[in-house]
Amino acid sequence: MDEAKINTPLRIAAFLAQIGHESDELKYMAEIWGPTDAQKRYDPPSTLATKLGNVRVGDGYRYRGAGPLQLTGRYNYRVYGLDLGVDLESNPDLARTPAIGFRVACLYWTKNGLNVLADSGTQEAFDKITKRINGGFNGKTQRDTYWVKARKVLGC
């Protein structure tokens, strides 16, 4: 978190709220896999698979959500791995380890400008953080609850 400058109460509260939801309170460093109908769309041929850079059947599972922010898709594993100097595309299980998973989460946070949003401390900005992480508002109530609680604990 220090490397990513997630180092003020507002930034920490937003980060903790998001990873709290995405990892189910740090219980999971890998997406729970059914596969559900939604997860089946991670494999080609589908528009979602193309968007995620998943090119082979089985890529959906192989590059399923990982780490505290649930990095998903072959493309993201490749890009974030290159940025960190770790071959996540060839070794996707590394993204599910705390050491690499948290580095990926912090890098994602930085690359997506989430500190700036967190600094405002507004609900609107927190919703924008949620949208950038989730692509929508899945789990909004839980994320908001974690955010309010973290802000109270951190005095912001």
N, C-alpha and C. Protein backbone atom coordinates (compact mmCIF):
# COMPACT_ATOMS: atom_id res chain seq x y z
N MET A 1 0.83 -1.19 0.00
CA MET A 1 0.00 0.00 0.00
C MET A 1 0.87 1.25 0.00
N ASP A 2 2.02 1.18 0.69
CA ASP A 2 2.93 2.33 0.68
C ASP A 2 3.44 2.63 -0.73
N GLU A 3 3.81 1.58 -1.47
CA GLU A 3 4.29 1.77 -2.84
C GLU A 3 3.24 2.47 -3.71
N ALA A 4 1.99 2.17 -3.48
CA ALA A 4 0.90 2.73 -4.26
C ALA A 4 0.36 4.03 -3.66
N LYS A 5 1.01 4.50 -2.59
CA LYS A 5 0.60 5.71 -1.89
C LYS A 5 -0.84 5.64 -1.37
N ILE A 6 -1.23 4.43 -0.99
CA ILE A 6 -2.52 4.25 -0.32
C ILE A 6 -2.20 4.43 1.16
N ASN A 7 -2.02 5.70 1.53
CA ASN A 7 -1.39 6.01 2.82
C ASN A 7 -2.07 7.12 3.61
N THR A 8 -3.29 7.44 3.24
CA THR A 8 -4.06 8.39 4.03
C THR A 8 -5.33 7.66 4.50
N PRO A 9 -5.96 8.15 5.54
CA PRO A 9 -7.17 7.46 6.01
C PRO A 9 -8.24 7.28 4.92
N LEU A 10 -8.47 8.31 4.10
CA LEU A 10 -9.50 8.17 3.05
C LEU A 10 -9.11 7.12 2.01
N ARG A 11 -7.85 7.11 1.63
CA ARG A 11 -7.39 6.13 0.64
C ARG A 11 -7.44 4.72 1.22
N ILE A 12 -6.99 4.58 2.45
CA ILE A 12 -6.98 3.26 3.10
C ILE A 12 -8.41 2.75 3.26
N ALA A 13 -9.33 3.61 3.67
CA ALA A 13 -10.72 3.21 3.86
C ALA A 13 -11.33 2.71 2.54
N ALA A 14 -11.09 3.43 1.47
CA ALA A 14 -11.65 3.03 0.17
C ALA A 14 -11.04 1.71 -0.30
N PHE A 15 -9.73 1.58 -0.15
CA PHE A 15 -9.04 0.35 -0.57
C PHE A 15 -9.54 -0.85 0.24
N LEU A 16 -9.60 -0.70 1.56
CA LEU A 16 -10.05 -1.80 2.41
C LEU A 16 -11.49 -2.20 2.10
N ALA A 17 -12.33 -1.23 1.84
CA ALA A 17 -13.73 -1.53 1.51
C ALA A 17 -13.83 -2.33 0.22
N GLN A 18 -13.05 -1.94 -0.76
CA GLN A 18 -13.11 -2.65 -2.05
C GLN A 18 -12.53 -4.07 -1.95
N ILE A 19 -11.37 -4.21 -1.32
CA ILE A 19 -10.82 -5.56 -1.22
C ILE A 19 -11.65 -6.42 -0.26
N GLY A 20 -12.27 -5.77 0.72
CA GLY A 20 -13.15 -6.51 1.63
C GLY A 20 -14.27 -7.18 0.89
N HIS A 21 -14.86 -6.46 -0.06
CA HIS A 21 -15.93 -7.06 -0.85
C HIS A 21 -15.39 -8.08 -1.84
N GLU A 22 -14.40 -7.68 -2.62
CA GLU A 22 -13.90 -8.52 -3.71
C GLU A 22 -13.35 -9.86 -3.22
N SER A 23 -12.74 -9.88 -2.05
CA SER A 23 -12.12 -11.11 -1.53
C SER A 23 -12.96 -11.76 -0.42
N ASP A 24 -14.17 -11.25 -0.22
CA ASP A 24 -15.03 -11.73 0.88
C ASP A 24 -14.25 -11.70 2.19
N GLU A 25 -13.83 -10.48 2.53
CA GLU A 25 -13.09 -10.20 3.76
C GLU A 25 -11.78 -10.98 3.83
N LEU A 26 -11.09 -11.03 2.70
CA LEU A 26 -9.78 -11.68 2.56
C LEU A 26 -9.83 -13.20 2.75
N LYS A 27 -11.01 -13.78 2.54
CA LYS A 27 -11.13 -15.23 2.61
C LYS A 27 -10.66 -15.90 1.32
N TYR A 28 -10.78 -15.20 0.21
CA TYR A 28 -10.50 -15.81 -1.09
C TYR A 28 -9.52 -14.98 -1.89
N MET A 29 -8.48 -15.64 -2.36
CA MET A 29 -7.52 -15.01 -3.27
C MET A 29 -7.75 -15.52 -4.69
N ALA A 30 -8.78 -16.33 -4.88
CA ALA A 30 -9.17 -16.81 -6.21
C ALA A 30 -10.69 -16.82 -6.28
N GLU A 31 -11.19 -16.46 -7.44
CA GLU A 31 -12.63 -16.46 -7.67
C GLU A 31 -13.20 -17.86 -7.44
N ILE A 32 -14.30 -17.93 -6.72
CA ILE A 32 -14.99 -19.20 -6.51
C ILE A 32 -15.56 -19.62 -7.87
N TRP A 33 -15.28 -20.84 -8.27
CA TRP A 33 -15.59 -21.27 -9.63
C TRP A 33 -16.63 -22.37 -9.62
N GLY A 34 -17.68 -22.20 -10.41
CA GLY A 34 -18.74 -23.19 -10.55
C GLY A 34 -18.48 -24.23 -11.64
N PRO A 35 -18.39 -23.89 -12.88
CA PRO A 35 -18.59 -22.54 -13.37
C PRO A 35 -20.08 -22.18 -13.47
N THR A 36 -20.36 -20.92 -13.17
CA THR A 36 -21.70 -20.39 -13.33
C THR A 36 -21.91 -20.05 -14.80
N ASP A 37 -23.14 -19.73 -15.16
CA ASP A 37 -23.40 -19.31 -16.54
C ASP A 37 -22.59 -18.06 -16.88
N ALA A 38 -22.48 -17.14 -15.92
CA ALA A 38 -21.70 -15.93 -16.15
C ALA A 38 -20.22 -16.27 -16.36
N GLN A 39 -19.69 -17.20 -15.59
CA GLN A 39 -18.28 -17.58 -15.72
C GLN A 39 -18.01 -18.31 -17.03
N LYS A 40 -18.98 -19.05 -17.52
CA LYS A 40 -18.81 -19.75 -18.80
C LYS A 40 -18.53 -18.76 -19.93
N ARG A 41 -19.01 -17.53 -19.78
CA ARG A 41 -18.77 -16.51 -20.81
C ARG A 41 -17.32 -16.04 -20.82
N TYR A 42 -16.52 -16.41 -19.82
CA TYR A 42 -15.09 -16.06 -19.81
C TYR A 42 -14.31 -16.82 -20.87
N ASP A 43 -14.89 -17.94 -21.36
CA ASP A 43 -14.22 -18.75 -22.38
C ASP A 43 -14.75 -18.40 -23.77
N PRO A 44 -13.87 -18.50 -24.78
CA PRO A 44 -14.32 -18.27 -26.14
C PRO A 44 -15.26 -19.40 -26.59
N PRO A 45 -16.14 -19.14 -27.52
CA PRO A 45 -16.31 -17.84 -28.17
C PRO A 45 -17.35 -17.01 -27.43
N SER A 46 -16.98 -15.86 -26.98
CA SER A 46 -17.93 -14.90 -26.40
C SER A 46 -17.30 -13.52 -26.46
N THR A 47 -18.14 -12.52 -26.43
CA THR A 47 -17.65 -11.15 -26.43
C THR A 47 -16.84 -10.86 -25.19
N LEU A 48 -17.29 -11.38 -24.05
CA LEU A 48 -16.56 -11.16 -22.80
C LEU A 48 -15.17 -11.81 -22.86
N ALA A 49 -15.09 -13.02 -23.38
CA ALA A 49 -13.79 -13.69 -23.50
C ALA A 49 -12.85 -12.86 -24.36
N THR A 50 -13.34 -12.32 -25.45
CA THR A 50 -12.52 -11.47 -26.32
C THR A 50 -12.05 -10.25 -25.57
N LYS A 51 -12.95 -9.61 -24.83
CA LYS A 51 -12.60 -8.42 -24.05
C LYS A 51 -11.52 -8.73 -23.01
N LEU A 52 -11.59 -9.91 -22.42
CA LEU A 52 -10.63 -10.32 -21.38
C LEU A 52 -9.32 -10.87 -21.97
N GLY A 53 -9.29 -11.04 -23.30
CA GLY A 53 -8.09 -11.59 -23.93
C GLY A 53 -7.98 -13.09 -23.78
N ASN A 54 -9.07 -13.74 -23.40
CA ASN A 54 -9.08 -15.20 -23.26
C ASN A 54 -9.28 -15.81 -24.64
N VAL A 55 -8.29 -16.56 -25.11
CA VAL A 55 -8.31 -17.05 -26.49
C VAL A 55 -8.50 -18.56 -26.60
N ARG A 56 -8.33 -19.30 -25.52
CA ARG A 56 -8.47 -20.75 -25.54
C ARG A 56 -9.54 -21.19 -24.55
N VAL A 57 -10.24 -22.25 -24.91
CA VAL A 57 -11.17 -22.85 -23.95
C VAL A 57 -10.34 -23.25 -22.73
N GLY A 58 -10.82 -22.89 -21.56
CA GLY A 58 -10.10 -23.12 -20.32
C GLY A 58 -9.43 -21.87 -19.78
N ASP A 59 -9.27 -20.84 -20.64
CA ASP A 59 -8.68 -19.58 -20.18
C ASP A 59 -9.54 -18.91 -19.12
N GLY A 60 -10.85 -19.09 -19.20
CA GLY A 60 -11.73 -18.48 -18.21
C GLY A 60 -11.37 -18.91 -16.80
N TYR A 61 -11.18 -20.20 -16.63
CA TYR A 61 -10.79 -20.72 -15.31
C TYR A 61 -9.34 -20.36 -15.00
N ARG A 62 -8.48 -20.56 -15.96
CA ARG A 62 -7.04 -20.32 -15.75
C ARG A 62 -6.78 -18.87 -15.33
N TYR A 63 -7.50 -17.94 -15.95
CA TYR A 63 -7.30 -16.51 -15.67
C TYR A 63 -8.52 -15.91 -14.95
N ARG A 64 -9.10 -16.73 -14.06
CA ARG A 64 -10.24 -16.28 -13.25
C ARG A 64 -9.76 -15.22 -12.28
N GLY A 65 -10.71 -14.58 -11.61
CA GLY A 65 -10.37 -13.55 -10.65
C GLY A 65 -9.34 -14.00 -9.64
N ALA A 66 -8.34 -13.13 -9.39
CA ALA A 66 -7.25 -13.49 -8.49
C ALA A 66 -6.82 -12.29 -7.67
N GLY A 67 -6.37 -12.57 -6.46
CA GLY A 67 -5.89 -11.52 -5.58
C GLY A 67 -7.03 -10.78 -4.91
N PRO A 68 -6.71 -9.84 -4.06
CA PRO A 68 -7.75 -9.15 -3.29
C PRO A 68 -8.67 -8.27 -4.12
N LEU A 69 -8.27 -7.90 -5.35
CA LEU A 69 -9.18 -7.15 -6.22
C LEU A 69 -9.68 -7.99 -7.39
N GLN A 70 -9.34 -9.29 -7.41
CA GLN A 70 -9.86 -10.23 -8.39
C GLN A 70 -9.50 -9.86 -9.84
N LEU A 71 -8.22 -9.71 -10.11
CA LEU A 71 -7.72 -9.52 -11.46
C LEU A 71 -8.26 -10.64 -12.34
N THR A 72 -8.81 -10.30 -13.51
CA THR A 72 -9.46 -11.29 -14.35
C THR A 72 -9.03 -11.15 -15.80
N GLY A 73 -8.80 -12.26 -16.46
CA GLY A 73 -8.54 -12.31 -17.89
C GLY A 73 -7.08 -12.39 -18.27
N ARG A 74 -6.81 -13.17 -19.31
CA ARG A 74 -5.44 -13.37 -19.80
C ARG A 74 -4.76 -12.04 -20.09
N TYR A 75 -5.46 -11.12 -20.73
CA TYR A 75 -4.86 -9.82 -21.06
C TYR A 75 -4.36 -9.11 -19.81
N ASN A 76 -5.18 -9.06 -18.78
CA ASN A 76 -4.79 -8.37 -17.54
C ASN A 76 -3.64 -9.09 -16.84
N TYR A 77 -3.66 -10.40 -16.84
CA TYR A 77 -2.54 -11.15 -16.25
C TYR A 77 -1.25 -10.80 -16.98
N ARG A 78 -1.31 -10.72 -18.32
CA ARG A 78 -0.11 -10.39 -19.09
C ARG A 78 0.38 -8.98 -18.76
N VAL A 79 -0.52 -8.00 -18.83
CA VAL A 79 -0.15 -6.60 -18.63
C VAL A 79 0.36 -6.34 -17.22
N TYR A 80 -0.36 -6.80 -16.22
CA TYR A 80 0.06 -6.54 -14.84
C TYR A 80 1.32 -7.33 -14.50
N GLY A 81 1.45 -8.52 -15.07
CA GLY A 81 2.68 -9.28 -14.88
C GLY A 81 3.88 -8.56 -15.47
N LEU A 82 3.73 -8.03 -16.69
CA LEU A 82 4.83 -7.28 -17.31
C LEU A 82 5.20 -6.07 -16.46
N ASP A 83 4.18 -5.36 -15.97
CA ASP A 83 4.43 -4.17 -15.15
C ASP A 83 5.18 -4.52 -13.86
N LEU A 84 4.93 -5.71 -13.33
CA LEU A 84 5.57 -6.13 -12.07
C LEU A 84 6.84 -6.95 -12.29
N GLY A 85 7.11 -7.28 -13.55
CA GLY A 85 8.29 -8.12 -13.83
C GLY A 85 8.09 -9.57 -13.43
N VAL A 86 6.84 -10.02 -13.49
CA VAL A 86 6.49 -11.39 -13.12
C VAL A 86 5.65 -11.98 -14.26
N ASP A 87 5.96 -13.17 -14.71
CA ASP A 87 5.21 -13.78 -15.82
C ASP A 87 3.92 -14.42 -15.30
N LEU A 88 2.91 -13.58 -15.12
CA LEU A 88 1.62 -14.07 -14.62
C LEU A 88 0.86 -14.83 -15.70
N GLU A 89 1.10 -14.50 -16.95
CA GLU A 89 0.39 -15.21 -18.01
C GLU A 89 0.79 -16.70 -18.02
N SER A 90 2.06 -17.00 -17.87
CA SER A 90 2.52 -18.40 -17.83
C SER A 90 2.33 -19.03 -16.46
N ASN A 91 2.25 -18.20 -15.42
CA ASN A 91 2.14 -18.69 -14.04
C ASN A 91 0.99 -17.99 -13.32
N PRO A 92 -0.25 -18.19 -13.77
CA PRO A 92 -1.37 -17.44 -13.19
C PRO A 92 -1.59 -17.68 -11.70
N ASP A 93 -1.15 -18.82 -11.19
CA ASP A 93 -1.32 -19.08 -9.75
C ASP A 93 -0.57 -18.08 -8.89
N LEU A 94 0.46 -17.46 -9.43
CA LEU A 94 1.20 -16.44 -8.67
C LEU A 94 0.31 -15.27 -8.29
N ALA A 95 -0.65 -14.94 -9.15
CA ALA A 95 -1.56 -13.82 -8.86
C ALA A 95 -2.48 -14.13 -7.69
N ARG A 96 -2.57 -15.38 -7.32
CA ARG A 96 -3.43 -15.80 -6.21
C ARG A 96 -2.67 -15.91 -4.89
N THR A 97 -1.40 -15.55 -4.91
CA THR A 97 -0.60 -15.54 -3.68
C THR A 97 -0.69 -14.15 -3.05
N PRO A 98 -0.63 -14.07 -1.73
CA PRO A 98 -0.68 -12.73 -1.11
C PRO A 98 0.43 -11.79 -1.60
N ALA A 99 1.64 -12.29 -1.74
CA ALA A 99 2.76 -11.42 -2.13
C ALA A 99 2.53 -10.76 -3.48
N ILE A 100 2.09 -11.52 -4.45
CA ILE A 100 1.88 -10.96 -5.79
C ILE A 100 0.48 -10.37 -5.91
N GLY A 101 -0.51 -11.04 -5.36
CA GLY A 101 -1.89 -10.55 -5.46
C GLY A 101 -2.06 -9.14 -4.93
N PHE A 102 -1.43 -8.84 -3.80
CA PHE A 102 -1.55 -7.48 -3.24
C PHE A 102 -0.78 -6.47 -4.08
N ARG A 103 0.35 -6.89 -4.65
CA ARG A 103 1.09 -5.98 -5.53
C ARG A 103 0.25 -5.65 -6.77
N VAL A 104 -0.42 -6.66 -7.32
CA VAL A 104 -1.30 -6.44 -8.47
C VAL A 104 -2.43 -5.49 -8.08
N ALA A 105 -3.04 -5.72 -6.93
CA ALA A 105 -4.16 -4.87 -6.49
C ALA A 105 -3.71 -3.42 -6.34
N CYS A 106 -2.56 -3.22 -5.75
CA CYS A 106 -2.05 -1.85 -5.56
C CYS A 106 -1.69 -1.21 -6.89
N LEU A 107 -1.12 -1.98 -7.80
CA LEU A 107 -0.80 -1.45 -9.12
C LEU A 107 -2.07 -1.09 -9.87
N TYR A 108 -3.09 -1.94 -9.79
CA TYR A 108 -4.37 -1.65 -10.42
C TYR A 108 -4.94 -0.35 -9.86
N TRP A 109 -4.87 -0.20 -8.56
CA TRP A 109 -5.37 0.99 -7.88
C TRP A 109 -4.68 2.24 -8.43
N THR A 110 -3.36 2.15 -8.55
CA THR A 110 -2.58 3.30 -9.04
C THR A 110 -2.87 3.59 -10.50
N LYS A 111 -2.83 2.55 -11.34
CA LYS A 111 -3.03 2.74 -12.78
C LYS A 111 -4.40 3.30 -13.12
N ASN A 112 -5.36 3.07 -12.25
CA ASN A 112 -6.73 3.53 -12.50
C ASN A 112 -7.08 4.81 -11.76
N GLY A 113 -6.07 5.46 -11.18
CA GLY A 113 -6.28 6.76 -10.55
C GLY A 113 -7.23 6.74 -9.37
N LEU A 114 -7.22 5.67 -8.60
CA LEU A 114 -8.21 5.54 -7.53
C LEU A 114 -7.88 6.34 -6.29
N ASN A 115 -6.61 6.68 -6.09
CA ASN A 115 -6.27 7.54 -4.95
C ASN A 115 -6.94 8.90 -5.08
N VAL A 116 -6.92 9.45 -6.27
CA VAL A 116 -7.52 10.77 -6.49
C VAL A 116 -9.01 10.74 -6.16
N LEU A 117 -9.67 9.68 -6.58
CA LEU A 117 -11.09 9.56 -6.26
C LEU A 117 -11.29 9.38 -4.76
N ALA A 118 -10.48 8.53 -4.14
CA ALA A 118 -10.62 8.29 -2.70
C ALA A 118 -10.41 9.57 -1.90
N ASP A 119 -9.51 10.42 -2.38
CA ASP A 119 -9.20 11.66 -1.66
C ASP A 119 -10.41 12.57 -1.48
N SER A 120 -11.36 12.50 -2.39
CA SER A 120 -12.53 13.39 -2.27
C SER A 120 -13.43 12.97 -1.12
N GLY A 121 -13.43 11.68 -0.79
CA GLY A 121 -14.24 11.21 0.33
C GLY A 121 -15.74 11.26 0.11
N THR A 122 -16.18 11.43 -1.13
CA THR A 122 -17.62 11.50 -1.41
C THR A 122 -18.16 10.16 -1.85
N GLN A 123 -19.46 9.98 -1.66
CA GLN A 123 -20.13 8.76 -2.12
C GLN A 123 -20.01 8.63 -3.64
N GLU A 124 -20.16 9.74 -4.33
CA GLU A 124 -20.06 9.73 -5.80
C GLU A 124 -18.69 9.20 -6.25
N ALA A 125 -17.65 9.68 -5.60
CA ALA A 125 -16.30 9.23 -5.96
C ALA A 125 -16.11 7.75 -5.60
N PHE A 126 -16.62 7.33 -4.45
CA PHE A 126 -16.50 5.93 -4.06
C PHE A 126 -17.25 5.04 -5.06
N ASP A 127 -18.39 5.50 -5.54
CA ASP A 127 -19.12 4.75 -6.57
C ASP A 127 -18.30 4.64 -7.85
N LYS A 128 -17.56 5.67 -8.19
CA LYS A 128 -16.70 5.62 -9.38
C LYS A 128 -15.58 4.60 -9.18
N ILE A 129 -15.05 4.52 -7.97
CA ILE A 129 -14.04 3.50 -7.65
C ILE A 129 -14.64 2.11 -7.86
N THR A 130 -15.83 1.91 -7.33
CA THR A 130 -16.52 0.62 -7.47
C THR A 130 -16.68 0.27 -8.95
N LYS A 131 -17.12 1.23 -9.73
CA LYS A 131 -17.35 0.99 -11.17
C LYS A 131 -16.04 0.64 -11.88
N ARG A 132 -14.94 1.30 -11.53
CA ARG A 132 -13.66 1.00 -12.17
C ARG A 132 -13.13 -0.37 -11.79
N ILE A 133 -13.45 -0.81 -10.59
CA ILE A 133 -12.99 -2.13 -10.15
C ILE A 133 -13.91 -3.23 -10.66
N ASN A 134 -15.20 -3.01 -10.56
CA ASN A 134 -16.17 -4.05 -10.83
C ASN A 134 -16.76 -3.98 -12.24
N GLY A 135 -16.69 -2.82 -12.86
CA GLY A 135 -17.35 -2.65 -14.15
C GLY A 135 -18.82 -2.31 -14.00
N GLY A 136 -19.31 -2.35 -12.79
CA GLY A 136 -20.70 -2.05 -12.47
C GLY A 136 -20.80 -1.81 -10.97
N PHE A 137 -21.90 -2.22 -10.40
CA PHE A 137 -22.12 -1.97 -8.99
C PHE A 137 -22.47 -3.24 -8.22
N ASN A 138 -21.92 -4.36 -8.65
CA ASN A 138 -22.11 -5.62 -7.94
C ASN A 138 -21.60 -5.46 -6.50
N GLY A 139 -22.44 -5.80 -5.55
CA GLY A 139 -22.06 -5.73 -4.14
C GLY A 139 -21.99 -4.32 -3.58
N LYS A 140 -22.69 -3.37 -4.21
CA LYS A 140 -22.61 -1.97 -3.79
C LYS A 140 -22.95 -1.78 -2.31
N THR A 141 -24.00 -2.42 -1.84
CA THR A 141 -24.40 -2.25 -0.43
C THR A 141 -23.29 -2.70 0.51
N GLN A 142 -22.69 -3.85 0.22
CA GLN A 142 -21.63 -4.36 1.07
C GLN A 142 -20.40 -3.45 1.00
N ARG A 143 -20.03 -3.02 -0.19
CA ARG A 143 -18.89 -2.12 -0.35
C ARG A 143 -19.11 -0.84 0.45
N ASP A 144 -20.30 -0.28 0.31
CA ASP A 144 -20.62 0.96 1.02
C ASP A 144 -20.55 0.76 2.54
N THR A 145 -21.05 -0.37 3.01
CA THR A 145 -21.02 -0.67 4.45
C THR A 145 -19.58 -0.76 4.95
N TYR A 146 -18.74 -1.47 4.20
CA TYR A 146 -17.32 -1.57 4.57
C TYR A 146 -16.66 -0.19 4.57
N TRP A 147 -17.00 0.62 3.60
CA TRP A 147 -16.39 1.95 3.47
C TRP A 147 -16.76 2.82 4.67
N VAL A 148 -18.04 2.84 5.03
CA VAL A 148 -18.48 3.63 6.18
C VAL A 148 -17.79 3.15 7.45
N LYS A 149 -17.72 1.83 7.63
CA LYS A 149 -17.08 1.27 8.82
C LYS A 149 -15.58 1.61 8.86
N ALA A 150 -14.90 1.46 7.73
CA ALA A 150 -13.46 1.77 7.69
C ALA A 150 -13.22 3.25 7.96
N ARG A 151 -14.06 4.11 7.42
CA ARG A 151 -13.91 5.55 7.66
C ARG A 151 -14.10 5.86 9.14
N LYS A 152 -15.06 5.21 9.77
CA LYS A 152 -15.29 5.44 11.19
C LYS A 152 -14.07 4.99 12.00
N VAL A 153 -13.57 3.80 11.72
CA VAL A 153 -12.40 3.28 12.45
C VAL A 153 -11.17 4.18 12.24
N LEU A 154 -11.00 4.66 11.01
CA LEU A 154 -9.83 5.48 10.68
C LEU A 154 -10.03 6.97 10.98
N GLY A 155 -11.23 7.34 11.44
CA GLY A 155 -11.48 8.72 11.82
C GLY A 155 -11.57 9.69 10.66
N CYS A 156 -12.10 9.23 9.55
CA CYS A 156 -12.25 10.13 8.41
C CYS A 156 -13.67 10.10 7.94
